Protein backbone atom coordinates (compact mmCIF):
# COMPACT_ATOMS: atom_id res chain seq x y z
CA UNK A 1 -35.08 -17.64 -2.63
CA UNK A 2 -34.17 -17.52 -6.32
CA UNK A 3 -36.54 -16.65 -9.14
CA UNK A 4 -35.62 -17.38 -12.77
CA UNK A 5 -37.28 -15.38 -15.49
CA UNK A 6 -36.83 -16.63 -19.03
CA UNK A 7 -38.02 -15.02 -22.24
CA UNK A 8 -37.49 -16.46 -25.68
CA UNK A 9 -37.52 -14.95 -29.11
CA UNK A 10 -40.38 -16.37 -31.23
CA UNK A 11 -38.27 -16.22 -34.39
CA UNK A 12 -35.29 -18.08 -32.96
CA UNK A 13 -35.70 -20.69 -30.19
CA UNK A 14 -31.90 -21.00 -29.88
CA UNK A 15 -31.57 -17.46 -28.60
CA UNK A 16 -32.81 -17.30 -25.04
CA UNK A 17 -32.27 -14.49 -22.60
CA UNK A 18 -32.15 -15.60 -19.02
CA UNK A 19 -32.33 -13.25 -16.09
CA UNK A 20 -31.81 -14.40 -12.53
CA UNK A 21 -33.21 -12.38 -9.66
CA UNK A 22 -32.20 -13.20 -6.14
CA UNK A 23 -34.17 -11.75 -3.27
CA UNK A 24 -31.79 -10.76 -0.51
CA UNK A 25 -32.80 -9.87 3.01
CA UNK A 26 -31.10 -7.02 4.81
CA UNK A 27 -29.25 -9.51 7.03
CA UNK A 28 -27.97 -11.43 3.98
CA UNK A 29 -26.87 -8.16 2.36
CA UNK A 30 -25.01 -7.12 5.51
CA UNK A 31 -23.21 -10.46 5.57
CA UNK A 32 -22.25 -10.20 1.88
CA UNK A 33 -20.92 -6.66 2.35
CA UNK A 34 -19.03 -7.72 5.50
CA UNK A 35 -17.35 -10.59 3.61
CA UNK A 36 -16.34 -8.37 0.69
CA UNK A 37 -14.95 -5.68 2.99
CA UNK A 38 -13.06 -8.26 5.04
CA UNK A 39 -11.44 -9.59 1.87
CA UNK A 40 -10.67 -6.24 0.21
CA UNK A 41 -9.45 -4.03 3.09
CA UNK A 42 -6.20 -5.96 3.69
CA UNK A 43 -5.36 -5.61 0.00
CA UNK A 44 -5.61 -1.81 0.25
CA UNK A 45 -3.59 -1.40 3.45
CA UNK A 46 0.19 -1.11 3.22
CA UNK A 47 1.90 -4.40 3.88
CA UNK A 48 4.12 -4.63 6.94
CA UNK A 49 7.72 -4.38 5.99
CA UNK A 50 10.20 -7.04 6.98
CA UNK A 51 13.08 -4.63 6.40
CA UNK A 52 13.17 -3.25 9.93
CA UNK A 53 12.51 0.18 11.29
CA UNK A 54 11.67 3.19 9.15
CA UNK A 55 12.40 6.79 10.04
CA UNK A 56 10.82 10.13 9.17
CA UNK A 57 12.96 12.93 7.72
CA UNK A 58 13.69 14.42 11.12
CA UNK A 59 14.50 11.05 12.65
CA UNK A 60 16.72 10.10 9.70
CA UNK A 61 18.64 13.38 9.90
CA UNK A 62 19.10 12.95 13.63
CA UNK A 63 20.21 9.33 13.19
CA UNK A 64 22.77 10.32 10.54
CA UNK A 65 23.74 13.48 12.50
CA UNK A 66 23.13 15.76 9.56
CA UNK A 67 20.78 18.69 8.96
CA UNK A 68 17.52 18.43 7.02
CA UNK A 69 18.90 20.45 4.06
CA UNK A 70 21.88 18.08 3.92
CA UNK A 71 19.53 15.11 4.01
CA UNK A 72 17.56 16.61 1.09
CA UNK A 73 20.82 17.12 -0.80
CA UNK A 74 21.82 13.49 -0.23
CA UNK A 75 18.42 12.32 -1.46
CA UNK A 76 18.82 14.35 -4.67
CA UNK A 77 22.35 13.04 -5.17
CA UNK A 78 21.18 9.48 -4.57
CA UNK A 79 23.36 8.91 -1.50
CA UNK A 80 20.32 8.08 0.63
CA UNK A 81 17.27 6.36 -0.81
CA UNK A 82 13.90 7.72 0.35
CA UNK A 83 10.61 5.84 0.15
CA UNK A 84 7.50 7.93 -0.47
CA UNK A 85 4.02 7.04 0.71
CA UNK A 86 1.95 9.89 -0.63
CA UNK A 87 3.29 12.97 1.15
CA UNK A 88 5.18 10.96 3.75
CA UNK A 89 8.88 10.33 3.19
CA UNK A 90 10.41 7.38 5.02
CA UNK A 91 13.96 6.05 5.26
CA UNK A 92 14.82 2.47 6.10
CA UNK A 93 17.28 1.83 8.89
CA UNK A 94 19.55 -0.10 6.51
CA UNK A 95 19.68 2.80 4.02
CA UNK A 96 20.68 5.26 6.75
CA UNK A 97 23.39 2.93 8.09
CA UNK A 98 24.71 2.33 4.58
CA UNK A 99 24.78 6.07 3.84
CA UNK A 100 26.61 6.81 7.10
CA UNK A 101 29.25 4.20 6.29
CA UNK A 102 29.73 5.56 2.76
CA UNK A 103 30.14 9.20 3.80
CA UNK A 104 33.83 9.89 3.07
CA UNK A 105 34.17 13.07 5.14
CA UNK A 106 33.41 11.53 8.50
CA UNK A 107 36.42 12.04 10.80
CA UNK A 108 35.10 9.85 13.58
CA UNK A 109 32.97 6.75 13.78
CA UNK A 110 29.36 7.42 14.65
CA UNK A 111 27.47 5.12 16.94
């Protein structure tokens, strides 16, 4: 149900203010809120990456067979690229593999 209220200025008929009031039932309001939430929530969630697996700091250090302080050093030097999501630091599988291959001091091939 829609109710239109119109008021006009006596001095100027060209200027009209129009206000539209829509009466909404609780069920209609719930449906409107549900639709808005359904549309907006996916925009706020992180998108799934197509890059492959991501590792935490501990997992990345274990994968590269280095210590956590060494991993931090490599991040600062730019040898390994870290991705931050708030307080969480993640490393892509490709970045770890690339860093392992570029490490010049490795005496044996890591698997």
